[in-house]
Protein backbone atom coordinates (compact mmCIF):
# COMPACT_ATOMS: atom_id res chain seq x y z
CA MET A 1 -20.64 -1.61 -28.75
CA PRO A 2 -20.71 -5.18 -27.36
CA LYS A 3 -23.37 -5.99 -24.79
CA LEU A 4 -22.99 -7.85 -21.51
CA THR A 5 -25.87 -9.13 -19.39
CA ILE A 6 -25.23 -9.55 -15.67
CA ASP A 7 -27.57 -10.92 -13.01
CA LEU A 8 -27.38 -8.59 -10.02
CA PRO A 9 -28.60 -8.95 -6.47
CA GLU A 10 -31.80 -6.99 -5.97
CA SER A 11 -30.09 -4.29 -3.88
CA ALA A 12 -27.41 -3.68 -6.55
CA TYR A 13 -30.06 -3.57 -9.27
CA ARG A 14 -32.06 -0.97 -7.34
CA ALA A 15 -28.92 1.08 -6.73
CA ALA A 16 -28.04 0.95 -10.45
CA LEU A 17 -31.44 2.40 -11.32
CA ASN A 18 -30.41 5.62 -9.55
CA PHE A 19 -27.98 6.34 -12.41
CA ASP A 20 -28.80 7.25 -15.99
CA SER A 21 -27.69 4.79 -18.70
CA ARG A 22 -24.47 6.71 -19.56
CA GLU A 23 -23.43 6.76 -15.91
CA GLN A 24 -24.25 3.04 -15.54
CA VAL A 25 -21.97 2.21 -18.48
CA ARG A 26 -19.20 4.44 -17.08
CA LEU A 27 -19.41 2.88 -13.61
CA VAL A 28 -19.47 -0.70 -14.88
CA THR A 29 -16.59 0.00 -17.27
CA ALA A 30 -14.50 1.53 -14.49
CA THR A 31 -15.30 -1.41 -12.21
CA PHE A 32 -14.02 -3.98 -14.70
CA ILE A 33 -10.90 -1.95 -15.55
CA VAL A 34 -9.99 -1.59 -11.86
CA ALA A 35 -10.73 -5.27 -11.17
CA GLU A 36 -8.52 -6.37 -14.07
CA ALA A 37 -5.67 -4.16 -12.86
CA ALA A 38 -6.01 -5.58 -9.35
CA LEU A 39 -5.78 -9.14 -10.68
CA GLU A 40 -2.50 -8.33 -12.42
CA ASP A 41 -0.95 -7.62 -9.00
CA ILE A 42 -1.74 -11.10 -7.65
CA PRO A 43 1.53 -12.97 -7.20
CA ASP A 44 2.03 -16.26 -9.00
CA TYR A 45 2.59 -18.61 -6.06
CA HIS A 46 2.97 -21.62 -8.33
CA ARG A 47 6.08 -20.46 -10.17
CA GLU A 48 9.48 -21.93 -9.40
CA THR A 49 11.50 -20.23 -6.67
CA ASN A 50 14.47 -18.37 -8.12
CA GLU A 51 17.69 -17.04 -6.59
CA ALA A 52 16.24 -13.58 -5.94
CA ASP A 53 13.38 -15.19 -3.99
CA LEU A 54 15.86 -17.17 -1.90
CA LYS A 55 17.83 -14.01 -1.09
CA VAL A 56 14.66 -12.23 0.09
CA ILE A 57 13.66 -15.24 2.19
CA GLY A 58 17.16 -15.35 3.69
CA ARG A 59 17.07 -11.64 4.59
CA SER A 60 13.64 -12.08 6.18
CA LEU A 61 14.84 -15.02 8.27
CA GLN A 62 17.88 -13.01 9.36
CA ASP A 63 15.70 -10.00 10.25
CA GLU A 64 13.47 -12.26 12.32
CA ALA A 65 16.42 -13.89 14.10
CA GLU A 66 17.82 -10.44 14.95
CA GLY A 67 14.49 -9.19 16.30
CA ARG A 68 13.69 -6.72 13.53
CA ILE A 69 10.35 -8.40 12.78
CA ILE A 70 7.40 -8.45 15.17
CA GLN A 71 4.29 -10.60 15.12
CA GLY A 72 1.25 -9.20 13.32
CA GLU A 73 -0.85 -9.28 16.52
CA VAL A 74 1.77 -7.17 18.32
CA ALA A 75 1.97 -4.69 15.44
CA MET A 76 -1.84 -4.34 15.34
CA ALA A 77 -2.01 -3.84 19.12
CA ARG A 78 0.60 -1.08 18.89
CA PHE A 79 -1.26 0.51 15.98
CA ARG A 80 -4.57 0.43 17.87
CA GLU A 81 -2.91 1.99 20.92
CA GLN A 82 -1.34 4.79 18.86
CA PHE A 83 -4.57 5.37 16.95
CA SER A 84 -6.66 5.57 20.12
CA GLU A 85 -4.20 8.15 21.53
CA MET A 86 -4.55 10.23 18.35
CA VAL A 87 -8.34 10.07 18.47
CA ARG A 88 -8.42 11.27 22.11
CA ILE A 89 -6.53 14.45 21.23
């Protein structure tokens, strides 16, 4: 099996010592597999815009003009209000 040496912050190193060697390998393996999968979902912002992109942009602009889109701050305020009402119950 190939070996990889990683310099860890002291706190991570101490936490890793709480696991036996098999569990350390399993956790590190899972971490890299999940990280790689997450990177595959990152959009390529440097590619050329195609016709499908333009259609989506057009629909978004139309939705905004017709009031179907709200600002993020407004959405978060509404969410916080609804959440606080749920928590009080």
